[in-house]
Amino acid sequence: MKFHLKSSPGKVDVEVVPLTEEMTKVSKDKEVKALLKSKDFTGKYRKTIWLRSGGKRTLLVGLGKQNKLDEEAVRRVYSIVVSEVLTSKYKSFSTSVPTSKLKKDLFVGAVVESCVLTDYKFSKFKKKKEAVDEVVIVTKDRVEKIVKEKQTICENTLLARDWVNMPADVMNPVELTKVAKEVARKAKLKITVIDKDLKKKGLNLIDAVGKGSIYPPRMVILEYWGDNRSKKPIALVGKGITFDTGGINLKPTGYIESMKSDKGGACTVLAVMKTMAELKVKKNVIGFMSICENMVGRHSYRPSDIIKSYSGKTVEILNTDAEGRLAMADALTYAEKHYKPEVIVDLATLTGAALVALGEYVIAMVSDSDKYSDKMFKAGQKTFERVWRLPLYEEYLDLMKGDISDIKNISSSGAMGGRAGTITAAAFLKKFIEKTPWVHLDIAGAAWYTKQYYYAPKDATGIGVRLMTEFIRNL
């Protein structure tokens, strides 16, 4: 999709005219004026009407009341615009920028976000893709910078969606590592891959999870240094289970089919690292991707196994379907020990309990830091990739203590998906961080939608790219 800033619409298939309820009273176009007078269109929020004005196709779209207009309202309105343009088989449209309480650069930024994010179909295995090729934004304001930034961030969100949507026979641990290497090469990121030396280096939990697969597990580390004045980086850790069978504790039908989505956290981290480099963000950021395939095989790890983690703590395996936390745990310890970061943020499709608690529309957050969780909450409100903090009381940490090991990989409060499943999974991760402030984002619900919701598509949503970019830039 190409964006152009012009003083007039030029030659486009459709002219989109956004109107608030107040603006419907002042239109100069005769046909529009007559329509408004008939009250068939009143500028009501998200309402649209097609007309042919002066030989051109025009789409009127309602923005609602001026005092309620914000960035998310604009995103939702333009997701409807893009959907209507696509449904009508058009390839281009223009839009004006109305005068309202919302600053023009914010309005334009929200339009760009919505257009890019809505105009998405996972079409890797299809011959034909319907798409909007061109959007003309009619304005004399200098908003080139925000258009470029929003387009970069959102196009990387689309990449994250593509990577997550790729089936496991294509996007296995080896292939995902190749993708990371190519991203690093183009974005000029330093990349380190630890695969054959996992056990030698003591990364036994990551190694255990991937032992049942024909594709060896690995940890990929991406480094972006954008600020020479700061020595402490921000660490991002992403769960990258390219397919999760549940291991020996095999997932049943009805749950296993979408498990290519279990790499969502790592794909988000990769897209964020790419974004940092392309926007030349003045921060230091290190991305960790724990990449495994949790399969059933003769070398699979078993319930009752006790494994020594990178931290030195031993973990008793009570359920092999609680594998993501194992792969994440070693990476968290490694990040803290070797990079001494300012803060560690992990993103993981970790628990079905997060979906039970908050549904698909909110990310479950657990943190030991009021400061950083507050900043994450504000970033979520700004981007509308919203987070909600759950408690991490001592009682939850106690539930993870082992009987014959230091820690067990599921709590004593019940089996998988039992009581406080999202919190106890986070409590497990907390055991592997000593001093560094930490924010855990369980994106299990928000990373994979069961149906389209405005500019977020069915299946992979790419959640977290916009959120983390906002969070990092505002630290």
Foldseek 3Di string as FASTA:
>chain_A
DDEAEAQDWPDFQEEEEEDELVRQCPDPQPVSVVVVVVVPDRLAQLDWDWDQGPNHIYIYGHLYHQVPHDLVSLLLSLLSVQVVCLVVLTAEYEYEQDDGPYDRLSSVLSNLLSQLLSQDDLPPPPDDGGGHDYYYYNDPDPNVVSNVLSNLLNVLLRVLQNLLPDACVQNAQVNVVVVLVVLCVVLVWDKDKAWPCCVVLQQWLLQQQAQADPDTWIKMKTKDALAPVDQAAEEEEEEAACAAQQEPLGDDPVPRPSRNNFHSQLSLLSSLSSSCSVVSQNGIYMYMYGGHHRYYHPSHDDQQDWGQHSLRFIEGENTSSQSRLSSRLNVQLVCCVPRVHQEYEYEGLGAPLQCVVPNQQEWEKEWPDPVLVVLLQVLCVNVVNHYDYDYADPVLLVQQQDDPTRGYSFGPQDDGSGPPNVNNSVSSSVVRDDDHTYMYINNSRNQAACADDSSAGHGGRSRDSSSVNSSRSVD
